[in-house]
mmCIF file of all heavy atoms, coordinates in Angstrom:
data_MODEL
# 
_entry.id   MODEL 
# 
loop_
_atom_site.group_PDB 
_atom_site.id 
_atom_site.type_symbol 
_atom_site.label_atom_id 
_atom_site.label_alt_id 
_atom_site.label_comp_id 
_atom_site.label_asym_id 
_atom_site.label_entity_id 
_atom_site.label_seq_id 
_atom_site.pdbx_PDB_ins_code 
_atom_site.Cartn_x 
_atom_site.Cartn_y 
_atom_site.Cartn_z 
_atom_site.occupancy 
_atom_site.B_iso_or_equiv 
_atom_site.pdbx_formal_charge 
_atom_site.auth_seq_id 
_atom_site.auth_comp_id 
_atom_site.auth_asym_id 
_atom_site.auth_atom_id 
_atom_site.pdbx_PDB_model_num 
ATOM 1   N N   . TRP A 1 1  ? 83.102 29.367 47.545 1.00 0.00 ? 1  TRP A N   1 
ATOM 2   C CA  . TRP A 1 1  ? 84.439 28.829 47.249 1.00 0.00 ? 1  TRP A CA  1 
ATOM 3   C C   . TRP A 1 1  ? 84.482 27.317 47.442 1.00 0.00 ? 1  TRP A C   1 
ATOM 4   O O   . TRP A 1 1  ? 85.036 26.604 46.603 1.00 0.00 ? 1  TRP A O   1 
ATOM 5   C CB  . TRP A 1 1  ? 85.447 29.550 48.154 1.00 0.00 ? 1  TRP A CB  1 
ATOM 6   C CG  . TRP A 1 1  ? 86.844 29.025 48.139 1.00 0.00 ? 1  TRP A CG  1 
ATOM 7   C CD1 . TRP A 1 1  ? 87.785 29.212 47.164 1.00 0.00 ? 1  TRP A CD1 1 
ATOM 8   C CD2 . TRP A 1 1  ? 87.483 28.260 49.169 1.00 0.00 ? 1  TRP A CD2 1 
ATOM 9   N NE1 . TRP A 1 1  ? 88.960 28.602 47.538 1.00 0.00 ? 1  TRP A NE1 1 
ATOM 10  C CE2 . TRP A 1 1  ? 88.811 28.015 48.759 1.00 0.00 ? 1  TRP A CE2 1 
ATOM 11  C CE3 . TRP A 1 1  ? 87.060 27.771 50.411 1.00 0.00 ? 1  TRP A CE3 1 
ATOM 12  C CZ2 . TRP A 1 1  ? 89.709 27.296 49.544 1.00 0.00 ? 1  TRP A CZ2 1 
ATOM 13  C CZ3 . TRP A 1 1  ? 87.948 27.051 51.184 1.00 0.00 ? 1  TRP A CZ3 1 
ATOM 14  C CH2 . TRP A 1 1  ? 89.249 26.808 50.745 1.00 0.00 ? 1  TRP A CH2 1 
ATOM 15  N N   . LYS A 1 2  ? 83.889 26.847 48.530 1.00 0.00 ? 2  LYS A N   1 
ATOM 16  C CA  . LYS A 1 2  ? 83.910 25.408 48.808 1.00 0.00 ? 2  LYS A CA  1 
ATOM 17  C C   . LYS A 1 2  ? 82.971 24.649 47.874 1.00 0.00 ? 2  LYS A C   1 
ATOM 18  O O   . LYS A 1 2  ? 83.312 23.565 47.383 1.00 0.00 ? 2  LYS A O   1 
ATOM 19  C CB  . LYS A 1 2  ? 83.523 25.152 50.263 1.00 0.00 ? 2  LYS A CB  1 
ATOM 20  C CG  . LYS A 1 2  ? 83.950 23.780 50.779 1.00 0.00 ? 2  LYS A CG  1 
ATOM 21  C CD  . LYS A 1 2  ? 85.462 23.684 50.862 1.00 0.00 ? 2  LYS A CD  1 
ATOM 22  C CE  . LYS A 1 2  ? 85.935 22.363 51.396 1.00 0.00 ? 2  LYS A CE  1 
ATOM 23  N NZ  . LYS A 1 2  ? 87.420 22.335 51.533 1.00 0.00 ? 2  LYS A NZ  1 
ATOM 24  N N   . LEU A 1 3  ? 81.787 25.172 47.628 1.00 0.00 ? 3  LEU A N   1 
ATOM 25  C CA  . LEU A 1 3  ? 80.855 24.519 46.705 1.00 0.00 ? 3  LEU A CA  1 
ATOM 26  C C   . LEU A 1 3  ? 81.456 24.418 45.305 1.00 0.00 ? 3  LEU A C   1 
ATOM 27  O O   . LEU A 1 3  ? 81.279 23.412 44.609 1.00 0.00 ? 3  LEU A O   1 
ATOM 28  C CB  . LEU A 1 3  ? 79.533 25.285 46.658 1.00 0.00 ? 3  LEU A CB  1 
ATOM 29  C CG  . LEU A 1 3  ? 78.624 25.161 47.886 1.00 0.00 ? 3  LEU A CG  1 
ATOM 30  C CD1 . LEU A 1 3  ? 77.505 26.193 47.826 1.00 0.00 ? 3  LEU A CD1 1 
ATOM 31  C CD2 . LEU A 1 3  ? 78.045 23.762 47.998 1.00 0.00 ? 3  LEU A CD2 1 
ATOM 32  N N   . ALA A 1 4  ? 82.170 25.465 44.902 1.00 0.00 ? 4  ALA A N   1 
ATOM 33  C CA  . ALA A 1 4  ? 82.758 25.490 43.557 1.00 0.00 ? 4  ALA A CA  1 
ATOM 34  C C   . ALA A 1 4  ? 83.816 24.404 43.382 1.00 0.00 ? 4  ALA A C   1 
ATOM 35  O O   . ALA A 1 4  ? 84.111 24.006 42.246 1.00 0.00 ? 4  ALA A O   1 
ATOM 36  C CB  . ALA A 1 4  ? 83.354 26.866 43.268 1.00 0.00 ? 4  ALA A CB  1 
ATOM 37  N N   . GLN A 1 5  ? 84.390 23.907 44.477 1.00 0.00 ? 5  GLN A N   1 
ATOM 38  C CA  . GLN A 1 5  ? 85.403 22.851 44.399 1.00 0.00 ? 5  GLN A CA  1 
ATOM 39  C C   . GLN A 1 5  ? 84.805 21.481 44.137 1.00 0.00 ? 5  GLN A C   1 
ATOM 40  O O   . GLN A 1 5  ? 85.521 20.546 43.758 1.00 0.00 ? 5  GLN A O   1 
ATOM 41  C CB  . GLN A 1 5  ? 86.209 22.811 45.694 1.00 0.00 ? 5  GLN A CB  1 
ATOM 42  C CG  . GLN A 1 5  ? 87.048 24.056 45.944 1.00 0.00 ? 5  GLN A CG  1 
ATOM 43  C CD  . GLN A 1 5  ? 87.670 24.053 47.321 1.00 0.00 ? 5  GLN A CD  1 
ATOM 44  O OE1 . GLN A 1 5  ? 87.800 23.017 47.974 1.00 0.00 ? 5  GLN A OE1 1 
ATOM 45  N NE2 . GLN A 1 5  ? 88.046 25.222 47.827 1.00 0.00 ? 5  GLN A NE2 1 
ATOM 46  N N   . SER A 1 6  ? 83.492 21.325 44.343 1.00 0.00 ? 6  SER A N   1 
ATOM 47  C CA  . SER A 1 6  ? 82.847 20.026 44.182 1.00 0.00 ? 6  SER A CA  1 
ATOM 48  C C   . SER A 1 6  ? 82.716 19.661 42.706 1.00 0.00 ? 6  SER A C   1 
ATOM 49  O O   . SER A 1 6  ? 82.231 20.465 41.905 1.00 0.00 ? 6  SER A O   1 
ATOM 50  C CB  . SER A 1 6  ? 81.461 20.031 44.825 1.00 0.00 ? 6  SER A CB  1 
ATOM 51  O OG  . SER A 1 6  ? 80.760 18.843 44.514 1.00 0.00 ? 6  SER A OG  1 
ATOM 52  N N   . ASN A 1 7  ? 83.104 18.451 42.382 1.00 0.00 ? 7  ASN A N   1 
ATOM 53  C CA  . ASN A 1 7  ? 82.925 17.972 41.010 1.00 0.00 ? 7  ASN A CA  1 
ATOM 54  C C   . ASN A 1 7  ? 81.464 17.786 40.651 1.00 0.00 ? 7  ASN A C   1 
ATOM 55  O O   . ASN A 1 7  ? 81.123 17.613 39.485 1.00 0.00 ? 7  ASN A O   1 
ATOM 56  C CB  . ASN A 1 7  ? 83.678 16.649 40.812 1.00 0.00 ? 7  ASN A CB  1 
ATOM 57  C CG  . ASN A 1 7  ? 85.188 16.845 40.844 1.00 0.00 ? 7  ASN A CG  1 
ATOM 58  O OD1 . ASN A 1 7  ? 85.703 17.836 40.340 1.00 0.00 ? 7  ASN A OD1 1 
ATOM 59  N ND2 . ASN A 1 7  ? 85.909 15.894 41.450 1.00 0.00 ? 7  ASN A ND2 1 
ATOM 60  N N   . ARG A 1 8  ? 80.596 17.828 41.665 1.00 0.00 ? 8  ARG A N   1 
ATOM 61  C CA  . ARG A 1 8  ? 79.164 17.678 41.427 1.00 0.00 ? 8  ARG A CA  1 
ATOM 62  C C   . ARG A 1 8  ? 78.512 18.976 40.944 1.00 0.00 ? 8  ARG A C   1 
ATOM 63  O O   . ARG A 1 8  ? 77.403 18.938 40.422 1.00 0.00 ? 8  ARG A O   1 
ATOM 64  C CB  . ARG A 1 8  ? 78.463 17.214 42.705 1.00 0.00 ? 8  ARG A CB  1 
ATOM 65  C CG  . ARG A 1 8  ? 78.912 15.857 43.221 1.00 0.00 ? 8  ARG A CG  1 
ATOM 66  C CD  . ARG A 1 8  ? 78.082 15.444 44.410 1.00 0.00 ? 8  ARG A CD  1 
ATOM 67  N NE  . ARG A 1 8  ? 76.676 15.324 44.049 1.00 0.00 ? 8  ARG A NE  1 
ATOM 68  C CZ  . ARG A 1 8  ? 75.689 15.234 44.929 1.00 0.00 ? 8  ARG A CZ  1 
ATOM 69  N NH1 . ARG A 1 8  ? 75.962 15.253 46.227 1.00 0.00 ? 8  ARG A NH1 1 
ATOM 70  N NH2 . ARG A 1 8  ? 74.426 15.152 44.519 1.00 0.00 ? 8  ARG A NH2 1 
ATOM 71  N N   . VAL A 1 9  ? 79.193 20.103 41.128 1.00 0.00 ? 9  VAL A N   1 
ATOM 72  C CA  . VAL A 1 9  ? 78.591 21.402 40.822 1.00 0.00 ? 9  VAL A CA  1 
ATOM 73  C C   . VAL A 1 9  ? 78.931 21.823 39.399 1.00 0.00 ? 9  VAL A C   1 
ATOM 74  O O   . VAL A 1 9  ? 80.103 21.966 39.039 1.00 0.00 ? 9  VAL A O   1 
ATOM 75  C CB  . VAL A 1 9  ? 79.059 22.477 41.822 1.00 0.00 ? 9  VAL A CB  1 
ATOM 76  C CG1 . VAL A 1 9  ? 78.510 23.844 41.423 1.00 0.00 ? 9  VAL A CG1 1 
ATOM 77  C CG2 . VAL A 1 9  ? 78.610 22.117 43.235 1.00 0.00 ? 9  VAL A CG2 1 
ATOM 78  N N   . LYS A 1 10 ? 77.895 22.007 38.604 1.00 0.00 ? 10 LYS A N   1 
ATOM 79  C CA  . LYS A 1 10 ? 78.067 22.475 37.233 1.00 0.00 ? 10 LYS A CA  1 
ATOM 80  C C   . LYS A 1 10 ? 77.986 23.999 37.183 1.00 0.00 ? 10 LYS A C   1 
ATOM 81  O O   . LYS A 1 10 ? 78.853 24.668 36.621 1.00 0.00 ? 10 LYS A O   1 
ATOM 82  C CB  . LYS A 1 10 ? 77.008 21.850 36.321 1.00 0.00 ? 10 LYS A CB  1 
ATOM 83  C CG  . LYS A 1 10 ? 77.115 22.292 34.858 1.00 0.00 ? 10 LYS A CG  1 
ATOM 84  C CD  . LYS A 1 10 ? 76.013 21.651 34.019 1.00 0.00 ? 10 LYS A CD  1 
ATOM 85  C CE  . LYS A 1 10 ? 76.099 22.131 32.567 1.00 0.00 ? 10 LYS A CE  1 
ATOM 86  N NZ  . LYS A 1 10 ? 75.000 21.546 31.744 1.00 0.00 ? 10 LYS A NZ  1 
ATOM 87  N N   . ARG A 1 11 ? 76.927 24.557 37.760 1.00 0.00 ? 11 ARG A N   1 
ATOM 88  C CA  . ARG A 1 11 ? 76.707 25.996 37.721 1.00 0.00 ? 11 ARG A CA  1 
ATOM 89  C C   . ARG A 1 11 ? 76.350 26.480 39.116 1.00 0.00 ? 11 ARG A C   1 
ATOM 90  O O   . ARG A 1 11 ? 75.615 25.826 39.853 1.00 0.00 ? 11 ARG A O   1 
ATOM 91  C CB  . ARG A 1 11 ? 75.586 26.321 36.738 1.00 0.00 ? 11 ARG A CB  1 
ATOM 92  C CG  . ARG A 1 11 ? 75.483 27.793 36.370 1.00 0.00 ? 11 ARG A CG  1 
ATOM 93  C CD  . ARG A 1 11 ? 74.560 27.997 35.178 1.00 0.00 ? 11 ARG A CD  1 
ATOM 94  N NE  . ARG A 1 11 ? 74.566 29.393 34.743 1.00 0.00 ? 11 ARG A NE  1 
ATOM 95  C CZ  . ARG A 1 11 ? 73.753 29.879 33.821 1.00 0.00 ? 11 ARG A CZ  1 
ATOM 96  N NH1 . ARG A 1 11 ? 72.899 29.053 33.187 1.00 0.00 ? 11 ARG A NH1 1 
ATOM 97  N NH2 . ARG A 1 11 ? 73.817 31.173 33.490 1.00 0.00 ? 11 ARG A NH2 1 
ATOM 98  N N   . LEU A 1 12 ? 76.889 27.645 39.484 1.00 0.00 ? 12 LEU A N   1 
ATOM 99  C CA  . LEU A 1 12 ? 76.645 28.207 40.803 1.00 0.00 ? 12 LEU A CA  1 
ATOM 100 C C   . LEU A 1 12 ? 76.264 29.667 40.670 1.00 0.00 ? 12 LEU A C   1 
ATOM 101 O O   . LEU A 1 12 ? 77.033 30.473 40.159 1.00 0.00 ? 12 LEU A O   1 
ATOM 102 C CB  . LEU A 1 12 ? 77.887 28.049 41.683 1.00 0.00 ? 12 LEU A CB  1 
ATOM 103 C CG  . LEU A 1 12 ? 77.839 28.639 43.104 1.00 0.00 ? 12 LEU A CG  1 
ATOM 104 C CD1 . LEU A 1 12 ? 76.702 28.042 43.922 1.00 0.00 ? 12 LEU A CD1 1 
ATOM 105 C CD2 . LEU A 1 12 ? 79.183 28.411 43.815 1.00 0.00 ? 12 LEU A CD2 1 
ATOM 106 N N   . TRP A 1 13 ? 75.047 29.992 41.137 1.00 0.00 ? 13 TRP A N   1 
ATOM 107 C CA  . TRP A 1 13 ? 74.597 31.376 41.222 1.00 0.00 ? 13 TRP A CA  1 
ATOM 108 C C   . TRP A 1 13 ? 74.631 31.821 42.681 1.00 0.00 ? 13 TRP A C   1 
ATOM 109 O O   . TRP A 1 13 ? 74.319 31.042 43.588 1.00 0.00 ? 13 TRP A O   1 
ATOM 110 C CB  . TRP A 1 13 ? 73.153 31.529 40.729 1.00 0.00 ? 13 TRP A CB  1 
ATOM 111 C CG  . TRP A 1 13 ? 72.888 31.101 39.324 1.00 0.00 ? 13 TRP A CG  1 
ATOM 112 C CD1 . TRP A 1 13 ? 73.196 31.775 38.179 1.00 0.00 ? 13 TRP A CD1 1 
ATOM 113 C CD2 . TRP A 1 13 ? 72.198 29.923 38.909 1.00 0.00 ? 13 TRP A CD2 1 
ATOM 114 N NE1 . TRP A 1 13 ? 72.755 31.095 37.089 1.00 0.00 ? 13 TRP A NE1 1 
ATOM 115 C CE2 . TRP A 1 13 ? 72.135 29.945 37.498 1.00 0.00 ? 13 TRP A CE2 1 
ATOM 116 C CE3 . TRP A 1 13 ? 71.624 28.847 39.592 1.00 0.00 ? 13 TRP A CE3 1 
ATOM 117 C CZ2 . TRP A 1 13 ? 71.529 28.927 36.769 1.00 0.00 ? 13 TRP A CZ2 1 
ATOM 118 C CZ3 . TRP A 1 13 ? 71.029 27.831 38.866 1.00 0.00 ? 13 TRP A CZ3 1 
ATOM 119 C CH2 . TRP A 1 13 ? 70.985 27.875 37.471 1.00 0.00 ? 13 TRP A CH2 1 
ATOM 120 N N   . VAL A 1 14 ? 74.979 33.084 42.919 1.00 0.00 ? 14 VAL A N   1 
ATOM 121 C CA  . VAL A 1 14 ? 74.979 33.640 44.268 1.00 0.00 ? 14 VAL A CA  1 
ATOM 122 C C   . VAL A 1 14 ? 74.207 34.954 44.248 1.00 0.00 ? 14 VAL A C   1 
ATOM 123 O O   . VAL A 1 14 ? 74.505 35.846 43.458 1.00 0.00 ? 14 VAL A O   1 
ATOM 124 C CB  . VAL A 1 14 ? 76.402 33.870 44.792 1.00 0.00 ? 14 VAL A CB  1 
ATOM 125 C CG1 . VAL A 1 14 ? 76.341 34.269 46.272 1.00 0.00 ? 14 VAL A CG1 1 
ATOM 126 C CG2 . VAL A 1 14 ? 77.256 32.612 44.632 1.00 0.00 ? 14 VAL A CG2 1 
ATOM 127 N N   . ALA A 1 15 ? 73.209 35.057 45.120 1.00 0.00 ? 15 ALA A N   1 
ATOM 128 C CA  . ALA A 1 15 ? 72.348 36.243 45.171 1.00 0.00 ? 15 ALA A CA  1 
ATOM 129 C C   . ALA A 1 15 ? 72.440 36.912 46.538 1.00 0.00 ? 15 ALA A C   1 
ATOM 130 O O   . ALA A 1 15 ? 72.021 36.315 47.536 1.00 0.00 ? 15 ALA A O   1 
ATOM 131 C CB  . ALA A 1 15 ? 70.895 35.842 44.887 1.00 0.00 ? 15 ALA A CB  1 
ATOM 132 N N   . PRO A 1 16 ? 73.006 38.131 46.615 1.00 0.00 ? 16 PRO A N   1 
ATOM 133 C CA  . PRO A 1 16 ? 73.545 38.931 45.519 1.00 0.00 ? 16 PRO A CA  1 
ATOM 134 C C   . PRO A 1 16 ? 75.044 38.725 45.264 1.00 0.00 ? 16 PRO A C   1 
ATOM 135 O O   . PRO A 1 16 ? 75.566 39.240 44.284 1.00 0.00 ? 16 PRO A O   1 
ATOM 136 C CB  . PRO A 1 16 ? 73.282 40.357 46.003 1.00 0.00 ? 16 PRO A CB  1 
ATOM 137 C CG  . PRO A 1 16 ? 73.456 40.283 47.490 1.00 0.00 ? 16 PRO A CG  1 
ATOM 138 C CD  . PRO A 1 16 ? 72.929 38.923 47.886 1.00 0.00 ? 16 PRO A CD  1 
ATOM 139 N N   . GLY A 1 17 ? 75.725 38.009 46.164 1.00 0.00 ? 17 GLY A N   1 
ATOM 140 C CA  . GLY A 1 17 ? 77.170 37.846 46.011 1.00 0.00 ? 17 GLY A CA  1 
ATOM 141 C C   . GLY A 1 17 ? 77.936 39.101 46.379 1.00 0.00 ? 17 GLY A C   1 
ATOM 142 O O   . GLY A 1 17 ? 77.399 40.043 46.951 1.00 0.00 ? 17 GLY A O   1 
ATOM 143 N N   . ASN A 1 18 ? 79.234 39.132 46.038 1.00 0.00 ? 18 ASN A N   1 
ATOM 144 C CA  . ASN A 1 18 ? 80.063 40.308 46.286 1.00 0.00 ? 18 ASN A CA  1 
ATOM 145 C C   . ASN A 1 18 ? 81.249 40.305 45.324 1.00 0.00 ? 18 ASN A C   1 
ATOM 146 O O   . ASN A 1 18 ? 81.346 39.428 44.452 1.00 0.00 ? 18 ASN A O   1 
ATOM 147 C CB  . ASN A 1 18 ? 80.527 40.370 47.756 1.00 0.00 ? 18 ASN A CB  1 
ATOM 148 C CG  . ASN A 1 18 ? 81.369 39.162 48.187 1.00 0.00 ? 18 ASN A CG  1 
ATOM 149 O OD1 . ASN A 1 18 ? 82.215 38.666 47.429 1.00 0.00 ? 18 ASN A OD1 1 
ATOM 150 N ND2 . ASN A 1 18 ? 81.177 38.695 49.406 1.00 0.00 ? 18 ASN A ND2 1 
ATOM 151 N N   . GLY A 1 19 ? 82.140 41.272 45.498 1.00 0.00 ? 19 GLY A N   1 
ATOM 152 C CA  . GLY A 1 19 ? 83.235 41.440 44.551 1.00 0.00 ? 19 GLY A CA  1 
ATOM 153 C C   . GLY A 1 19 ? 84.197 40.273 44.489 1.00 0.00 ? 19 GLY A C   1 
ATOM 154 O O   . GLY A 1 19 ? 84.830 40.016 43.459 1.00 0.00 ? 19 GLY A O   1 
ATOM 155 N N   . GLY A 1 20 ? 84.325 39.522 45.581 1.00 0.00 ? 20 GLY A N   1 
ATOM 156 C CA  . GLY A 1 20 ? 85.218 38.366 45.588 1.00 0.00 ? 20 GLY A CA  1 
ATOM 157 C C   . GLY A 1 20 ? 84.570 37.122 45.032 1.00 0.00 ? 20 GLY A C   1 
ATOM 158 O O   . GLY A 1 20 ? 85.198 36.351 44.290 1.00 0.00 ? 20 GLY A O   1 
ATOM 159 N N   . ILE A 1 21 ? 83.302 36.920 45.369 1.00 0.00 ? 21 ILE A N   1 
ATOM 160 C CA  . ILE A 1 21 ? 82.565 35.763 44.863 1.00 0.00 ? 21 ILE A CA  1 
ATOM 161 C C   . ILE A 1 21 ? 82.541 35.783 43.343 1.00 0.00 ? 21 ILE A C   1 
ATOM 162 O O   . ILE A 1 21 ? 82.636 34.740 42.677 1.00 0.00 ? 21 ILE A O   1 
ATOM 163 C CB  . ILE A 1 21 ? 81.134 35.743 45.440 1.00 0.00 ? 21 ILE A CB  1 
ATOM 164 C CG1 . ILE A 1 21 ? 81.193 35.498 46.950 1.00 0.00 ? 21 ILE A CG1 1 
ATOM 165 C CG2 . ILE A 1 21 ? 80.279 34.683 44.751 1.00 0.00 ? 21 ILE A CG2 1 
ATOM 166 C CD1 . ILE A 1 21 ? 79.859 35.650 47.660 1.00 0.00 ? 21 ILE A CD1 1 
ATOM 167 N N   . ALA A 1 22 ? 82.442 36.981 42.783 1.00 0.00 ? 22 ALA A N   1 
ATOM 168 C CA  . ALA A 1 22 ? 82.377 37.131 41.329 1.00 0.00 ? 22 ALA A CA  1 
ATOM 169 C C   . ALA A 1 22 ? 83.631 36.621 40.632 1.00 0.00 ? 22 ALA A C   1 
ATOM 170 O O   . ALA A 1 22 ? 83.612 36.387 39.421 1.00 0.00 ? 22 ALA A O   1 
ATOM 171 C CB  . ALA A 1 22 ? 82.134 38.595 40.965 1.00 0.00 ? 22 ALA A CB  1 
ATOM 172 N N   . GLY A 1 23 ? 84.710 36.422 41.356 1.00 0.00 ? 23 GLY A N   1 
ATOM 173 C CA  . GLY A 1 23 ? 85.959 35.942 40.755 1.00 0.00 ? 23 GLY A CA  1 
ATOM 174 C C   . GLY A 1 23 ? 86.185 34.446 40.887 1.00 0.00 ? 23 GLY A C   1 
ATOM 175 O O   . GLY A 1 23 ? 87.192 33.925 40.402 1.00 0.00 ? 23 GLY A O   1 
ATOM 176 N N   . GLU A 1 24 ? 85.256 33.724 41.551 1.00 0.00 ? 24 GLU A N   1 
ATOM 177 C CA  . GLU A 1 24 ? 85.411 32.289 41.736 1.00 0.00 ? 24 GLU A CA  1 
ATOM 178 C C   . GLU A 1 24 ? 84.999 31.512 40.481 1.00 0.00 ? 24 GLU A C   1 
ATOM 179 O O   . GLU A 1 24 ? 84.188 31.984 39.674 1.00 0.00 ? 24 GLU A O   1 
ATOM 180 C CB  . GLU A 1 24 ? 84.596 31.795 42.934 1.00 0.00 ? 24 GLU A CB  1 
ATOM 181 C CG  . GLU A 1 24 ? 85.012 32.424 44.269 1.00 0.00 ? 24 GLU A CG  1 
ATOM 182 C CD  . GLU A 1 24 ? 86.402 32.027 44.713 1.00 0.00 ? 24 GLU A CD  1 
ATOM 183 O OE1 . GLU A 1 24 ? 86.952 31.011 44.204 1.00 0.00 ? 24 GLU A OE1 1 
ATOM 184 O OE2 . GLU A 1 24 ? 86.973 32.726 45.577 1.00 0.00 ? 24 GLU A OE2 1 
ATOM 185 N N   . VAL A 1 25 ? 85.546 30.316 40.335 1.00 0.00 ? 25 VAL A N   1 
ATOM 186 C CA  . VAL A 1 25 ? 85.287 29.451 39.170 1.00 0.00 ? 25 VAL A CA  1 
ATOM 187 C C   . VAL A 1 25 ? 85.029 28.038 39.679 1.00 0.00 ? 25 VAL A C   1 
ATOM 188 O O   . VAL A 1 25 ? 85.695 27.565 40.606 1.00 0.00 ? 25 VAL A O   1 
ATOM 189 C CB  . VAL A 1 25 ? 86.492 29.453 38.197 1.00 0.00 ? 25 VAL A CB  1 
ATOM 190 C CG1 . VAL A 1 25 ? 86.234 28.535 37.012 1.00 0.00 ? 25 VAL A CG1 1 
ATOM 191 C CG2 . VAL A 1 25 ? 86.782 30.870 37.710 1.00 0.00 ? 25 VAL A CG2 1 
ATOM 192 N N   . THR A 1 26 ? 84.066 27.335 39.091 1.00 0.00 ? 26 THR A N   1 
ATOM 193 C CA  . THR A 1 26 ? 83.774 25.966 39.500 1.00 0.00 ? 26 THR A CA  1 
ATOM 194 C C   . THR A 1 26 ? 84.885 25.018 39.042 1.00 0.00 ? 26 THR A C   1 
ATOM 195 O O   . THR A 1 26 ? 85.726 25.369 38.207 1.00 0.00 ? 26 THR A O   1 
ATOM 196 C CB  . THR A 1 26 ? 82.435 25.479 38.919 1.00 0.00 ? 26 THR A CB  1 
ATOM 197 O OG1 . THR A 1 26 ? 82.571 25.322 37.502 1.00 0.00 ? 26 THR A OG1 1 
ATOM 198 C CG2 . THR A 1 26 ? 81.311 26.458 39.234 1.00 0.00 ? 26 THR A CG2 1 
ATOM 199 N N   . ALA A 1 27 ? 84.851 23.796 39.587 1.00 0.00 ? 27 ALA A N   1 
ATOM 200 C CA  . ALA A 1 27 ? 85.843 22.789 39.209 1.00 0.00 ? 27 ALA A CA  1 
ATOM 201 C C   . ALA A 1 27 ? 85.797 22.486 37.722 1.00 0.00 ? 27 ALA A C   1 
ATOM 202 O O   . ALA A 1 27 ? 86.806 22.103 37.114 1.00 0.00 ? 27 ALA A O   1 
ATOM 203 C CB  . ALA A 1 27 ? 85.614 21.507 40.017 1.00 0.00 ? 27 ALA A CB  1 
ATOM 204 N N   . GLY A 1 28 ? 84.627 22.678 37.111 1.00 0.00 ? 28 GLY A N   1 
ATOM 205 C CA  . GLY A 1 28 ? 84.476 22.449 35.676 1.00 0.00 ? 28 GLY A CA  1 
ATOM 206 C C   . GLY A 1 28 ? 84.829 23.642 34.813 1.00 0.00 ? 28 GLY A C   1 
ATOM 207 O O   . GLY A 1 28 ? 84.671 23.594 33.589 1.00 0.00 ? 28 GLY A O   1 
# 
């Protein structure tokens, strides 16, 4: 959630992640 807020982040993969992470969106 915090990484996704950074304007520096274009793409974010999470391994394996979970049901909530799957709903996050980057600043872009």
